[in-house]
């Protein structure tokens, strides 16, 4: 049997099932066995589990970058940690050691170091 024969057989089966069950039209679309329903359900699950959380993280990161201030302790994507000493529109100057300043792009900032963690870093730097 070729593919054309399968298509005609599927069409005949669909006509037969639609006439007997009476579940055509919009009610047939929401039938759990309908492949279209399964496709829409998979897309909805994909959206709520993958796309929406990523958009939320991007929004929070963008807001964090907009709220950076001098004196904040940050870390970069490359692993550098330091205190912000200067801010420009696209460039941040951060001090990573005594009298060692580095300029990085805002897009390279991975996040803020928590206040408690930043305080413990200062204490350990004073001890050594």
PDB file of N, CA and C in Angstrom:
ATOM      1  N   UNK A   1       0.854  -1.177   0.000  1.00  0.00           N
ATOM      2  CA  UNK A   1       0.000   0.000   0.000  1.00  0.00           C
ATOM      3  C   UNK A   1       0.899   1.239   0.000  1.00  0.00           C
ATOM      4  N   UNK A   2       0.571   2.216  -0.794  1.00  0.00           N
ATOM      5  CA  UNK A   2       1.366   3.436  -0.857  1.00  0.00           C
ATOM      6  C   UNK A   2       0.757   4.515   0.047  1.00  0.00           C
ATOM      7  N   UNK A   3       1.437   5.670   0.072  1.00  0.00           N
ATOM      8  CA  UNK A   3       0.990   6.741   0.958  1.00  0.00           C
ATOM      9  C   UNK A   3      -0.359   7.320   0.551  1.00  0.00           C
ATOM     10  N   UNK A   4      -0.643   7.342  -0.731  1.00  0.00           N
ATOM     11  CA  UNK A   4      -1.937   7.857  -1.194  1.00  0.00           C
ATOM     12  C   UNK A   4      -3.064   6.977  -0.676  1.00  0.00           C
ATOM     13  N   UNK A   5      -2.843   5.679  -0.662  1.00  0.00           N
ATOM     14  CA  UNK A   5      -3.849   4.760  -0.136  1.00  0.00           C
ATOM     15  C   UNK A   5      -4.072   4.977   1.350  1.00  0.00           C
ATOM     16  N   UNK A   6      -2.992   5.259   2.088  1.00  0.00           N
ATOM     17  CA  UNK A   6      -3.120   5.535   3.522  1.00  0.00           C
ATOM     18  C   UNK A   6      -3.901   6.820   3.764  1.00  0.00           C
ATOM     19  N   UNK A   7      -3.664   7.820   2.933  1.00  0.00           N
ATOM     20  CA  UNK A   7      -4.374   9.086   3.096  1.00  0.00           C
ATOM     21  C   UNK A   7      -5.870   8.896   2.887  1.00  0.00           C
ATOM     22  N   UNK A   8      -6.237   8.140   1.843  1.00  0.00           N
ATOM     23  CA  UNK A   8      -7.661   7.900   1.594  1.00  0.00           C
ATOM     24  C   UNK A   8      -8.280   7.065   2.704  1.00  0.00           C
ATOM     25  N   UNK A   9      -7.527   6.100   3.219  1.00  0.00           N
ATOM     26  CA  UNK A   9      -8.049   5.263   4.301  1.00  0.00           C
ATOM     27  C   UNK A   9      -8.258   6.098   5.562  1.00  0.00           C
ATOM     28  N   UNK A  10      -7.319   7.003   5.842  1.00  0.00           N
ATOM     29  CA  UNK A  10      -7.457   7.868   7.010  1.00  0.00           C
ATOM     30  C   UNK A  10      -8.625   8.811   6.879  1.00  0.00           C
ATOM     31  N   UNK A  11      -8.839   9.326   5.660  1.00  0.00           N
ATOM     32  CA  UNK A  11      -9.964  10.227   5.428  1.00  0.00           C
ATOM     33  C   UNK A  11     -11.293   9.495   5.596  1.00  0.00           C
ATOM     34  N   UNK A  12     -11.368   8.285   5.085  1.00  0.00           N
ATOM     35  CA  UNK A  12     -12.594   7.495   5.215  1.00  0.00           C
ATOM     36  C   UNK A  12     -12.860   7.167   6.678  1.00  0.00           C
ATOM     37  N   UNK A  13     -11.821   6.848   7.426  1.00  0.00           N
ATOM     38  CA  UNK A  13     -11.978   6.548   8.847  1.00  0.00           C
ATOM     39  C   UNK A  13     -12.456   7.781   9.600  1.00  0.00           C
ATOM     40  N   UNK A  14     -11.902   8.949   9.256  1.00  0.00           N
ATOM     41  CA  UNK A  14     -12.295  10.184   9.928  1.00  0.00           C
ATOM     42  C   UNK A  14     -13.752  10.519   9.641  1.00  0.00           C
ATOM     43  N   UNK A  15     -14.199  10.317   8.405  1.00  0.00           N
ATOM     44  CA  UNK A  15     -15.591  10.593   8.074  1.00  0.00           C
ATOM     45  C   UNK A  15     -16.514   9.638   8.801  1.00  0.00           C
ATOM     46  N   UNK A  16     -16.115   8.396   8.887  1.00  0.00           N
ATOM     47  CA  UNK A  16     -16.930   7.394   9.558  1.00  0.00           C
ATOM     48  C   UNK A  16     -17.021   7.695  11.047  1.00  0.00           C
ATOM     49  N   UNK A  17     -15.903   8.026  11.682  1.00  0.00           N
ATOM     50  CA  UNK A  17     -15.897   8.287  13.121  1.00  0.00           C
ATOM     51  C   UNK A  17     -16.636   9.581  13.436  1.00  0.00           C
ATOM     52  N   UNK A  18     -16.520  10.585  12.576  1.00  0.00           N
ATOM     53  CA  UNK A  18     -17.195  11.854  12.816  1.00  0.00           C
ATOM     54  C   UNK A  18     -18.697  11.719  12.722  1.00  0.00           C
ATOM     55  N   UNK A  19     -19.177  10.924  11.796  1.00  0.00           N
ATOM     56  CA  UNK A  19     -20.617  10.758  11.636  1.00  0.00           C
ATOM     57  C   UNK A  19     -21.211   9.951  12.769  1.00  0.00           C
ATOM     58  N   UNK A  20     -20.499   8.945  13.237  1.00  0.00           N
ATOM     59  CA  UNK A  20     -21.037   8.076  14.275  1.00  0.00           C
ATOM     60  C   UNK A  20     -20.983   8.737  15.641  1.00  0.00           C
ATOM     61  N   UNK A  21     -19.888   9.424  15.937  1.00  0.00           N
ATOM     62  CA  UNK A  21     -19.726   9.985  17.275  1.00  0.00           C
ATOM     63  C   UNK A  21     -20.411  11.320  17.441  1.00  0.00           C
ATOM     64  N   UNK A  22     -20.523  12.072  16.377  1.00  0.00           N
ATOM     65  CA  UNK A  22     -21.139  13.387  16.477  1.00  0.00           C
ATOM     66  C   UNK A  22     -20.248  14.385  17.200  1.00  0.00           C
ATOM     67  N   UNK A  23     -18.950  14.115  17.278  1.00  0.00           N
ATOM     68  CA  UNK A  23     -18.038  14.995  18.011  1.00  0.00           C
ATOM     69  C   UNK A  23     -17.240  15.859  17.056  1.00  0.00           C
ATOM     70  N   UNK A  24     -17.873  16.333  16.016  1.00  0.00           N
ATOM     71  CA  UNK A  24     -17.180  17.174  15.063  1.00  0.00           C
ATOM     72  C   UNK A  24     -17.157  18.615  15.540  1.00  0.00           C
ATOM     73  N   UNK A  25     -16.588  19.480  14.734  1.00  0.00           N
ATOM     74  CA  UNK A  25     -16.566  20.897  15.044  1.00  0.00           C
ATOM     75  C   UNK A  25     -15.662  21.219  16.213  1.00  0.00           C
ATOM     76  N   UNK A  26     -16.057  22.203  16.976  1.00  0.00           N
ATOM     77  CA  UNK A  26     -15.224  22.694  18.076  1.00  0.00           C
ATOM     78  C   UNK A  26     -15.116  21.683  19.210  1.00  0.00           C
ATOM     79  N   UNK A  27     -16.137  20.887  19.422  1.00  0.00           N
ATOM     80  CA  UNK A  27     -16.084  19.879  20.488  1.00  0.00           C
ATOM     81  C   UNK A  27     -15.039  18.817  20.171  1.00  0.00           C
ATOM     82  N   UNK A  28     -14.858  18.493  18.902  1.00  0.00           N
ATOM     83  CA  UNK A  28     -13.858  17.506  18.510  1.00  0.00           C
ATOM     84  C   UNK A  28     -12.442  18.014  18.701  1.00  0.00           C
ATOM     85  N   UNK A  29     -12.258  19.333  18.654  1.00  0.00           N
ATOM     86  CA  UNK A  29     -10.935  19.909  18.843  1.00  0.00           C
ATOM     87  C   UNK A  29     -10.429  19.689  20.261  1.00  0.00           C
ATOM     88  N   UNK A  30     -11.308  19.731  21.240  1.00  0.00           N
ATOM     89  CA  UNK A  30     -10.901  19.585  22.634  1.00  0.00           C
ATOM     90  C   UNK A  30     -10.917  18.143  23.112  1.00  0.00           C
ATOM     91  N   UNK A  31     -11.094  17.216  22.216  1.00  0.00           N
ATOM     92  CA  UNK A  31     -11.017  15.804  22.551  1.00  0.00           C
ATOM     93  C   UNK A  31      -9.562  15.468  22.863  1.00  0.00           C
ATOM     94  N   UNK A  32      -9.305  14.824  23.986  1.00  0.00           N
ATOM     95  CA  UNK A  32      -7.941  14.542  24.425  1.00  0.00           C
ATOM     96  C   UNK A  32      -7.193  13.679  23.418  1.00  0.00           C
ATOM     97  N   UNK A  33      -7.878  12.855  22.672  1.00  0.00           N
ATOM     98  CA  UNK A  33      -7.231  12.006  21.688  1.00  0.00           C
ATOM     99  C   UNK A  33      -6.903  12.719  20.389  1.00  0.00           C
ATOM    100  N   UNK A  34      -7.372  13.930  20.225  1.00  0.00           N
ATOM    101  CA  UNK A  34      -7.132  14.694  19.009  1.00  0.00           C
ATOM    102  C   UNK A  34      -5.665  15.126  18.954  1.00  0.00           C
ATOM    103  N   UNK A  35      -4.979  14.868  17.859  1.00  0.00           N
ATOM    104  CA  UNK A  35      -3.567  15.268  17.753  1.00  0.00           C
ATOM    105  C   UNK A  35      -3.370  16.777  17.862  1.00  0.00           C
ATOM    106  N   UNK A  36      -4.327  17.559  17.399  1.00  0.00           N
ATOM    107  CA  UNK A  36      -4.202  19.012  17.500  1.00  0.00           C
ATOM    108  C   UNK A  36      -4.237  19.447  18.964  1.00  0.00           C
ATOM    109  N   UNK A  37      -5.086  18.813  19.756  1.00  0.00           N
ATOM    110  CA  UNK A  37      -5.148  19.119  21.183  1.00  0.00           C
ATOM    111  C   UNK A  37      -3.813  18.796  21.851  1.00  0.00           C
ATOM    112  N   UNK A  38      -3.240  17.658  21.505  1.00  0.00           N
ATOM    113  CA  UNK A  38      -1.956  17.264  22.085  1.00  0.00           C
ATOM    114  C   UNK A  38      -0.849  18.244  21.698  1.00  0.00           C
ATOM    115  N   UNK A  39      -0.873  18.714  20.464  1.00  0.00           N
ATOM    116  CA  UNK A  39       0.131  19.673  20.003  1.00  0.00           C
ATOM    117  C   UNK A  39       0.019  20.988  20.772  1.00  0.00           C
ATOM    118  N   UNK A  40      -1.203  21.484  20.928  1.00  0.00           N
ATOM    119  CA  UNK A  40      -1.422  22.733  21.661  1.00  0.00           C
ATOM    120  C   UNK A  40      -1.023  22.562  23.125  1.00  0.00           C
ATOM    121  N   UNK A  41      -1.343  21.423  23.713  1.00  0.00           N
ATOM    122  CA  UNK A  41      -0.971  21.163  25.105  1.00  0.00           C
ATOM    123  C   UNK A  41       0.547  21.128  25.266  1.00  0.00           C
ATOM    124  N   UNK A  42       1.249  20.509  24.338  1.00  0.00           N
ATOM    125  CA  UNK A  42       2.715  20.454  24.405  1.00  0.00           C
ATOM    126  C   UNK A  42       3.326  21.849  24.275  1.00  0.00           C
ATOM    127  N   UNK A  43       2.780  22.662  23.379  1.00  0.00           N
ATOM    128  CA  UNK A  43       3.285  24.025  23.227  1.00  0.00           C
ATOM    129  C   UNK A  43       3.050  24.845  24.493  1.00  0.00           C
ATOM    130  N   UNK A  44       1.905  24.671  25.129  1.00  0.00           N
ATOM    131  CA  UNK A  44       1.614  25.393  26.369  1.00  0.00           C
ATOM    132  C   UNK A  44       2.572  24.968  27.475  1.00  0.00           C
ATOM    133  N   UNK A  45       2.820  23.683  27.588  1.00  0.00           N
ATOM    134  CA  UNK A  45       3.759  23.188  28.600  1.00  0.00           C
ATOM    135  C   UNK A  45       5.156  23.722  28.318  1.00  0.00           C
ATOM    136  N   UNK A  46       5.574  23.692  27.070  1.00  0.00           N
ATOM    137  CA  UNK A  46       6.882  24.201  26.672  1.00  0.00           C
ATOM    138  C   UNK A  46       7.015  25.675  27.040  1.00  0.00           C
ATOM    139  N   UNK A  47       5.975  26.466  26.781  1.00  0.00           N
ATOM    140  CA  UNK A  47       6.009  27.891  27.091  1.00  0.00           C
ATOM    141  C   UNK A  47       6.149  28.129  28.589  1.00  0.00           C
ATOM    142  N   UNK A  48       5.320  27.469  29.396  1.00  0.00           N
ATOM    143  CA  UNK A  48       5.318  27.742  30.827  1.00  0.00           C
ATOM    144  C   UNK A  48       6.517  27.155  31.561  1.00  0.00           C
ATOM    145  N   UNK A  49       7.150  26.125  31.022  1.00  0.00           N
ATOM    146  CA  UNK A  49       8.301  25.531  31.698  1.00  0.00           C
ATOM    147  C   UNK A  49       9.639  26.075  31.218  1.00  0.00           C
ATOM    148  N   UNK A  50       9.725  26.561  29.991  1.00  0.00           N
ATOM    149  CA  UNK A  50      11.012  26.989  29.456  1.00  0.00           C
ATOM    150  C   UNK A  50      11.073  28.469  29.087  1.00  0.00           C
ATOM    151  N   UNK A  51      10.152  28.940  28.311  1.00  0.00           N
ATOM    152  CA  UNK A  51      10.251  30.293  27.771  1.00  0.00           C
ATOM    153  C   UNK A  51       9.939  31.352  28.821  1.00  0.00           C
ATOM    154  N   UNK A  52       8.850  31.197  29.536  1.00  0.00           N
ATOM    155  CA  UNK A  52       8.432  32.212  30.504  1.00  0.00           C
ATOM    156  C   UNK A  52       9.443  32.411  31.640  1.00  0.00           C
ATOM    157  N   UNK A  53       9.994  31.346  32.254  1.00  0.00           N
ATOM    158  CA  UNK A  53      11.001  31.568  33.301  1.00  0.00           C
ATOM    159  C   UNK A  53      12.258  32.275  32.780  1.00  0.00           C
ATOM    160  N   UNK A  54      12.664  31.972  31.555  1.00  0.00           N
ATOM    161  CA  UNK A  54      13.834  32.629  30.971  1.00  0.00           C
ATOM    162  C   UNK A  54      13.573  34.116  30.774  1.00  0.00           C
ATOM    163  N   UNK A  55      12.395  34.480  30.319  1.00  0.00           N
ATOM    164  CA  UNK A  55      12.048  35.888  30.152  1.00  0.00           C
ATOM    165  C   UNK A  55      12.041  36.607  31.496  1.00  0.00           C
ATOM    166  N   UNK A  56      11.575  35.925  32.535  1.00  0.00           N
ATOM    167  CA  UNK A  56      11.544  36.514  33.875  1.00  0.00           C
ATOM    168  C   UNK A  56      12.963  36.772  34.382  1.00  0.00           C
ATOM    169  N   UNK A  57      13.875  35.808  34.171  1.00  0.00           N
ATOM    170  CA  UNK A  57      15.267  35.985  34.594  1.00  0.00           C
ATOM    171  C   UNK A  57      15.925  37.134  33.834  1.00  0.00           C
ATOM    172  N   UNK A  58      15.659  37.245  32.549  1.00  0.00           N
ATOM    173  CA  UNK A  58      16.226  38.332  31.755  1.00  0.00           C
ATOM    174  C   UNK A  58      15.734  39.685  32.253  1.00  0.00           C
ATOM    175  N   UNK A  59      14.469  39.773  32.600  1.00  0.00           N
ATOM    176  CA  UNK A  59      13.901  41.022  33.095  1.00  0.00           C
ATOM    177  C   UNK A  59      14.545  41.408  34.432  1.00  0.00           C
ATOM    178  N   UNK A  60      14.718  40.438  35.336  1.00  0.00           N
ATOM    179  CA  UNK A  60      15.343  40.711  36.633  1.00  0.00           C
ATOM    180  C   UNK A  60      16.796  41.141  36.457  1.00  0.00           C
ATOM    181  N   UNK A  61      17.534  40.498  35.539  1.00  0.00           N
ATOM    182  CA  UNK A  61      18.937  40.841  35.304  1.00  0.00           C
ATOM    183  C   UNK A  61      19.053  42.250  34.726  1.00  0.00           C
ATOM    184  N   UNK A  62      18.171  42.598  33.809  1.00  0.00           N
ATOM    185  CA  UNK A  62      18.176  43.934  33.219  1.00  0.00           C
ATOM    186  C   UNK A  62      17.890  44.993  34.285  1.00  0.00           C
ATOM    187  N   UNK A  63      16.963  44.703  35.178  1.00  0.00           N
ATOM    188  CA  UNK A  63      16.632  45.630  36.262  1.00  0.00           C
ATOM    189  C   UNK A  63      17.809  45.767  37.223  1.00  0.00           C
ATOM    190  N   UNK A  64      18.498  44.660  37.522  1.00  0.00           N
ATOM    191  CA  UNK A  64      19.667  44.701  38.395  1.00  0.00           C
ATOM    192  C   UNK A  64      20.760  45.565  37.775  1.00  0.00           C
ATOM    193  N   UNK A  65      20.996  45.434  36.476  1.00  0.00           N
ATOM    194  CA  UNK A  65      22.015  46.244  35.806  1.00  0.00           C
ATOM    195  C   UNK A  65      21.658  47.727  35.849  1.00  0.00           C
ATOM    196  N   UNK A  66      20.389  48.046  35.743  1.00  0.00           N
ATOM    197  CA  UNK A  66      19.957  49.445  35.775  1.00  0.00           C
ATOM    198  C   UNK A  66      20.097  50.049  37.170  1.00  0.00           C
ATOM    199  N   UNK A  67      20.053  49.224  38.219  1.00  0.00           N
ATOM    200  CA  UNK A  67      20.086  49.721  39.595  1.00  0.00           C
ATOM    201  C   UNK A  67      21.463  49.642  40.242  1.00  0.00           C
ATOM    202  N   UNK A  68      22.522  49.369  39.472  1.00  0.00           N
ATOM    203  CA  UNK A  68      23.864  49.307  40.051  1.00  0.00           C
ATOM    204  C   UNK A  68      24.299  50.685  40.532  1.00  0.00           C
ATOM    205  N   UNK A  69      25.034  50.708  41.663  1.00  0.00           N
ATOM    206  CA  UNK A  69      25.512  51.960  42.243  1.00  0.00           C
ATOM    207  C   UNK A  69      26.969  51.805  42.647  1.00  0.00           C
ATOM    208  N   UNK A  70      27.650  52.942  42.835  1.00  0.00           N
ATOM    209  CA  UNK A  70      29.023  52.903  43.329  1.00  0.00           C
ATOM    210  C   UNK A  70      29.031  52.243  44.702  1.00  0.00           C
ATOM    211  N   UNK A  71      30.032  51.412  44.936  1.00  0.00           N
ATOM    212  CA  UNK A  71      30.153  50.734  46.221  1.00  0.00           C
ATOM    213  C   UNK A  71      29.555  49.342  46.234  1.00  0.00           C
ATOM    214  N   UNK A  72      28.721  49.003  45.257  1.00  0.00           N
ATOM    215  CA  UNK A  72      28.163  47.648  45.177  1.00  0.00           C
ATOM    216  C   UNK A  72      29.270  46.662  44.820  1.00  0.00           C
ATOM    217  N   UNK A  73      29.189  45.479  45.383  1.00  0.00           N
ATOM    218  CA  UNK A  73      30.128  44.416  45.045  1.00  0.00           C
ATOM    219  C   UNK A  73      29.457  43.515  44.019  1.00  0.00           C
ATOM    220  N   UNK A  74      30.158  43.299  42.900  1.00  0.00           N
ATOM    221  CA  UNK A  74      29.590  42.531  41.793  1.00  0.00           C
ATOM    222  C   UNK A  74      30.541  41.414  41.387  1.00  0.00           C
ATOM    223  N   UNK A  75      30.037  40.494  40.583  1.00  0.00           N
ATOM    224  CA  UNK A  75      30.890  39.494  39.943  1.00  0.00           C
ATOM    225  C   UNK A  75      30.575  39.487  38.457  1.00  0.00           C
ATOM    226  N   UNK A  76      31.584  39.128  37.672  1.00  0.00           N
ATOM    227  CA  UNK A  76      31.415  39.111  36.221  1.00  0.00           C
ATOM    228  C   UNK A  76      31.251  37.684  35.736  1.00  0.00           C
ATOM    229  N   UNK A  77      30.898  37.555  34.486  1.00  0.00           N
ATOM    230  CA  UNK A  77      30.759  36.237  33.883  1.00  0.00           C
ATOM    231  C   UNK A  77      32.082  35.493  33.821  1.00  0.00           C
ATOM    232  N   UNK A  78      33.195  36.217  33.791  1.00  0.00           N
ATOM    233  CA  UNK A  78      34.520  35.606  33.748  1.00  0.00           C
ATOM    234  C   UNK A  78      35.052  35.217  35.109  1.00  0.00           C
ATOM    235  N   UNK A  79      34.341  35.566  36.174  1.00  0.00           N
ATOM    236  CA  UNK A  79      34.748  35.168  37.513  1.00  0.00           C
ATOM    237  C   UNK A  79      35.396  36.265  38.339  1.00  0.00           C
ATOM    238  N   UNK A  80      35.537  37.465  37.807  1.00  0.00           N
ATOM    239  CA  UNK A  80      36.103  38.561  38.586  1.00  0.00           C
ATOM    240  C   UNK A  80      35.079  39.067  39.590  1.00  0.00           C
ATOM    241  N   UNK A  81      35.574  39.408  40.786  1.00  0.00           N
ATOM    242  CA  UNK A  81      34.724  39.997  41.820  1.00  0.00           C
ATOM    243  C   UNK A  81      35.363  41.292  42.247  1.00  0.00           C
ATOM    244  N   UNK A  82      34.540  42.309  42.424  1.00  0.00           N
ATOM    245  CA  UNK A  82      35.087  43.588  42.840  1.00  0.00           C
ATOM    246  C   UNK A  82      34.001  44.565  43.220  1.00  0.00           C
ATOM    247  N   UNK A  83      34.480  45.724  43.695  1.00  0.00           N
ATOM    248  CA  UNK A  83      33.587  46.788  44.140  1.00  0.00           C
ATOM    249  C   UNK A  83      33.534  47.856  43.052  1.00  0.00           C
ATOM    250  N   UNK A  84      32.341  48.343  42.765  1.00  0.00           N
ATOM    251  CA  UNK A  84      32.164  49.353  41.723  1.00  0.00           C
ATOM    252  C   UNK A  84      32.720  50.685  42.211  1.00  0.00           C
ATOM    253  N   UNK A  85      33.619  51.271  41.405  1.00  0.00           N
ATOM    254  CA  UNK A  85      34.161  52.590  41.729  1.00  0.00           C
ATOM    255  C   UNK A  85      33.715  53.648  40.726  1.00  0.00           C
ATOM    256  N   UNK A  86      33.231  53.227  39.586  1.00  0.00           N
ATOM    257  CA  UNK A  86      32.763  54.181  38.589  1.00  0.00           C
ATOM    258  C   UNK A  86      31.743  53.546  37.662  1.00  0.00           C
ATOM    259  N   UNK A  87      30.774  54.345  37.276  1.00  0.00           N
ATOM    260  CA  UNK A  87      29.716  53.868  36.378  1.00  0.00           C
ATOM    261  C   UNK A  87      29.628  54.782  35.172  1.00  0.00           C
ATOM    262  N   UNK A  88      29.510  54.175  34.022  1.00  0.00           N
ATOM    263  CA  UNK A  88      29.255  54.892  32.785  1.00  0.00           C
ATOM    264  C   UNK A  88      28.030  54.245  32.150  1.00  0.00           C
ATOM    265  N   UNK A  89      27.625  54.726  31.005  1.00  0.00           N
ATOM    266  CA  UNK A  89      26.433  54.155  30.375  1.00  0.00           C
ATOM    267  C   UNK A  89      26.628  52.677  30.040  1.00  0.00           C
ATOM    268  N   UNK A  90      27.781  52.326  29.472  1.00  0.00           N
ATOM    269  CA  UNK A  90      28.030  50.941  29.073  1.00  0.00           C
ATOM    270  C   UNK A  90      29.209  50.299  29.789  1.00  0.00           C
ATOM    271  N   UNK A  91      30.013  51.085  30.506  1.00  0.00           N
ATOM    272  CA  UNK A  91      31.240  50.581  31.122  1.00  0.00           C
ATOM    273  C   UNK A  91      31.184  50.786  32.630  1.00  0.00           C
ATOM    274  N   UNK A  92      31.635  49.767  33.351  1.00  0.00           N
ATOM    275  CA  UNK A  92      31.719  49.832  34.810  1.00  0.00           C
ATOM    276  C   UNK A  92      33.183  49.695  35.195  1.00  0.00           C
ATOM    277  N   UNK A  93      33.647  50.578  36.077  1.00  0.00           N
ATOM    278  CA  UNK A  93      34.995  50.456  36.619  1.00  0.00           C
ATOM    279  C   UNK A  93      34.863  49.806  37.982  1.00  0.00           C
ATOM    280  N   UNK A  94      35.594  48.706  38.171  1.00  0.00           N
ATOM    281  CA  UNK A  94      35.513  48.013  39.454  1.00  0.00           C
ATOM    282  C   UNK A  94      36.913  47.771  39.990  1.00  0.00           C
ATOM    283  N   UNK A  95      37.020  47.837  41.305  1.00  0.00           N
ATOM    284  CA  UNK A  95      38.295  47.615  41.983  1.00  0.00           C
ATOM    285  C   UNK A  95      38.317  46.167  42.449  1.00  0.00           C
ATOM    286  N   UNK A  96      39.291  45.399  41.932  1.00  0.00           N
ATOM    287  CA  UNK A  96      39.358  43.980  42.268  1.00  0.00           C
ATOM    288  C   UNK A  96      40.402  43.703  43.345  1.00  0.00           C
ATOM    289  N   UNK A  97      41.292  44.650  43.601  1.00  0.00           N
ATOM    290  CA  UNK A  97      42.283  44.574  44.681  1.00  0.00           C
ATOM    291  C   UNK A  97      42.677  46.010  45.002  1.00  0.00           C
ATOM    292  N   UNK A  98      43.522  46.190  46.028  1.00  0.00           N
ATOM    293  CA  UNK A  98      43.946  47.541  46.376  1.00  0.00           C
ATOM    294  C   UNK A  98      44.645  48.184  45.190  1.00  0.00           C
ATOM    295  N   UNK A  99      44.135  49.319  44.767  1.00  0.00           N
ATOM    296  CA  UNK A  99      44.682  50.118  43.676  1.00  0.00           C
ATOM    297  C   UNK A  99      44.744  49.375  42.338  1.00  0.00           C
ATOM    298  N   UNK A 100      43.911  48.366  42.172  1.00  0.00           N
ATOM    299  CA  UNK A 100      43.809  47.647  40.900  1.00  0.00           C
ATOM    300  C   UNK A 100      42.374  47.797  40.402  1.00  0.00           C
ATOM    301  N   UNK A 101      42.242  48.575  39.331  1.00  0.00           N
ATOM    302  CA  UNK A 101      40.912  48.830  38.787  1.00  0.00           C
ATOM    303  C   UNK A 101      40.815  48.263  37.377  1.00  0.00           C
ATOM    304  N   UNK A 102      39.650  47.716  37.082  1.00  0.00           N
ATOM    305  CA  UNK A 102      39.394  47.083  35.794  1.00  0.00           C
ATOM    306  C   UNK A 102      38.099  47.653  35.237  1.00  0.00           C
ATOM    307  N   UNK A 103      38.089  47.882  33.929  1.00  0.00           N
ATOM    308  CA  UNK A 103      36.860  48.333  33.271  1.00  0.00           C
ATOM    309  C   UNK A 103      36.229  47.136  32.577  1.00  0.00           C
ATOM    310  N   UNK A 104      34.929  46.959  32.809  1.00  0.00           N
ATOM    311  CA  UNK A 104      34.186  45.870  32.173  1.00  0.00           C
ATOM    312  C   UNK A 104      32.888  46.436  31.599  1.00  0.00           C
ATOM    313  N   UNK A 105      32.374  45.774  30.595  1.00  0.00           N
ATOM    314  CA  UNK A 105      31.076  46.158  30.033  1.00  0.00           C
ATOM    315  C   UNK A 105      29.963  45.769  30.995  1.00  0.00           C
ATOM    316  N   UNK A 106      28.892  46.518  30.968  1.00  0.00           N
ATOM    317  CA  UNK A 106      27.735  46.174  31.810  1.00  0.00           C
ATOM    318  C   UNK A 106      27.205  44.786  31.479  1.00  0.00           C
ATOM    319  N   UNK A 107      27.285  44.415  30.214  1.00  0.00           N
ATOM    320  CA  UNK A 107      26.769  43.105  29.810  1.00  0.00           C
ATOM    321  C   UNK A 107      27.575  41.955  30.407  1.00  0.00           C
ATOM    322  N   UNK A 108      28.802  42.224  30.883  1.00  0.00           N
ATOM    323  CA  UNK A 108      29.639  41.176  31.471  1.00  0.00           C
ATOM    324  C   UNK A 108      29.308  40.923  32.937  1.00  0.00           C
ATOM    325  N   UNK A 109      28.518  41.798  33.547  1.00  0.00           N
ATOM    326  CA  UNK A 109      28.184  41.641  34.967  1.00  0.00           C
ATOM    327  C   UNK A 109      27.243  40.462  35.132  1.00  0.00           C
ATOM    328  N   UNK A 110      27.634  39.526  36.004  1.00  0.00           N
ATOM    329  CA  UNK A 110      26.810  38.349  36.252  1.00  0.00           C
ATOM    330  C   UNK A 110      25.771  38.591  37.325  1.00  0.00           C
ATOM    331  N   UNK A 111      26.110  39.408  38.316  1.00  0.00           N
ATOM    332  CA  UNK A 111      25.159  39.684  39.379  1.00  0.00           C
ATOM    333  C   UNK A 111      25.802  40.403  40.544  1.00  0.00           C
ATOM    334  N   UNK A 112      24.986  40.714  41.517  1.00  0.00           N
ATOM    335  CA  UNK A 112      25.437  41.356  42.748  1.00  0.00           C
ATOM    336  C   UNK A 112      25.844  40.302  43.763  1.00  0.00           C
ATOM    337  N   UNK A 113      26.882  40.622  44.536  1.00  0.00           N
ATOM    338  CA  UNK A 113      27.254  39.768  45.652  1.00  0.00           C
ATOM    339  C   UNK A 113      26.392  40.207  46.826  1.00  0.00           C
ATOM    340  N   UNK A 114      25.841  39.254  47.565  1.00  0.00           N
ATOM    341  CA  UNK A 114      24.955  39.598  48.680  1.00  0.00           C
ATOM    342  C   UNK A 114      25.706  40.419  49.724  1.00  0.00           C
ATOM    343  N   UNK A 115      24.971  41.236  50.456  1.00  0.00           N
ATOM    344  CA  UNK A 115      25.579  42.145  51.442  1.00  0.00           C
ATOM    345  C   UNK A 115      26.384  41.388  52.497  1.00  0.00           C
ATOM    346  N   UNK A 116      25.848  40.285  52.995  1.00  0.00           N
ATOM    347  CA  UNK A 116      26.554  39.500  54.011  1.00  0.00           C
ATOM    348  C   UNK A 116      27.841  38.900  53.476  1.00  0.00           C
ATOM    349  N   UNK A 117      27.816  38.428  52.254  1.00  0.00           N
ATOM    350  CA  UNK A 117      29.001  37.838  51.636  1.00  0.00           C
ATOM    351  C   UNK A 117      30.057  38.908  51.367  1.00  0.00           C
ATOM    352  N   UNK A 118      29.620  40.100  50.969  1.00  0.00           N
ATOM    353  CA  UNK A 118      30.551  41.197  50.714  1.00  0.00           C
ATOM    354  C   UNK A 118      31.220  41.640  52.011  1.00  0.00           C
ATOM    355  N   UNK A 119      30.464  41.662  53.119  1.00  0.00           N
ATOM    356  CA  UNK A 119      31.031  42.050  54.411  1.00  0.00           C
ATOM    357  C   UNK A 119      32.066  41.033  54.878  1.00  0.00           C
ATOM    358  N   UNK A 120      31.803  39.749  54.687  1.00  0.00           N
ATOM    359  CA  UNK A 120      32.771  38.728  55.094  1.00  0.00           C
ATOM    360  C   UNK A 120      34.033  38.796  54.236  1.00  0.00           C
ATOM    361  N   UNK A 121      33.916  39.189  52.975  1.00  0.00           N
ATOM    362  CA  UNK A 121      35.094  39.362  52.120  1.00  0.00           C
ATOM    363  C   UNK A 121      35.955  40.508  52.624  1.00  0.00           C
ATOM    364  N   UNK A 122      35.328  41.606  53.063  1.00  0.00           N
ATOM    365  CA  UNK A 122      36.081  42.748  53.584  1.00  0.00           C
ATOM    366  C   UNK A 122      36.827  42.362  54.854  1.00  0.00           C
ATOM    367  N   UNK A 123      36.174  41.604  55.729  1.00  0.00           N
ATOM    368  CA  UNK A 123      36.816  41.184  56.974  1.00  0.00           C
ATOM    369  C   UNK A 123      38.004  40.273  56.702  1.00  0.00           C
ATOM    370  N   UNK A 124      37.859  39.347  55.780  1.00  0.00           N
ATOM    371  CA  UNK A 124      38.959  38.435  55.470  1.00  0.00           C
ATOM    372  C   UNK A 124      40.104  39.177  54.789  1.00  0.00           C
ATOM    373  N   UNK A 125      39.807  40.234  54.036  1.00  0.00           N
ATOM    374  CA  UNK A 125      40.857  41.026  53.400  1.00  0.00           C
ATOM    375  C   UNK A 125      41.629  41.829  54.441  1.00  0.00           C
ATOM    376  N   UNK A 126      40.953  42.308  55.489  1.00  0.00           N
ATOM    377  CA  UNK A 126      41.624  43.062  56.548  1.00  0.00           C
ATOM    378  C   UNK A 126      42.540  42.167  57.372  1.00  0.00           C
ATOM    379  N   UNK A 127      42.138  40.913  57.580  1.00  0.00           N
ATOM    380  CA  UNK A 127      42.930  39.985  58.380  1.00  0.00           C
ATOM    381  C   UNK A 127      44.220  39.589  57.678  1.00  0.00           C
ATOM    382  N   UNK A 128      44.194  39.503  56.365  1.00  0.00           N
ATOM    383  CA  UNK A 128      45.399  39.052  55.656  1.00  0.00           C
ATOM    384  C   UNK A 128      46.321  40.168  55.275  1.00  0.00           C
TER     385      UNK A 128
END
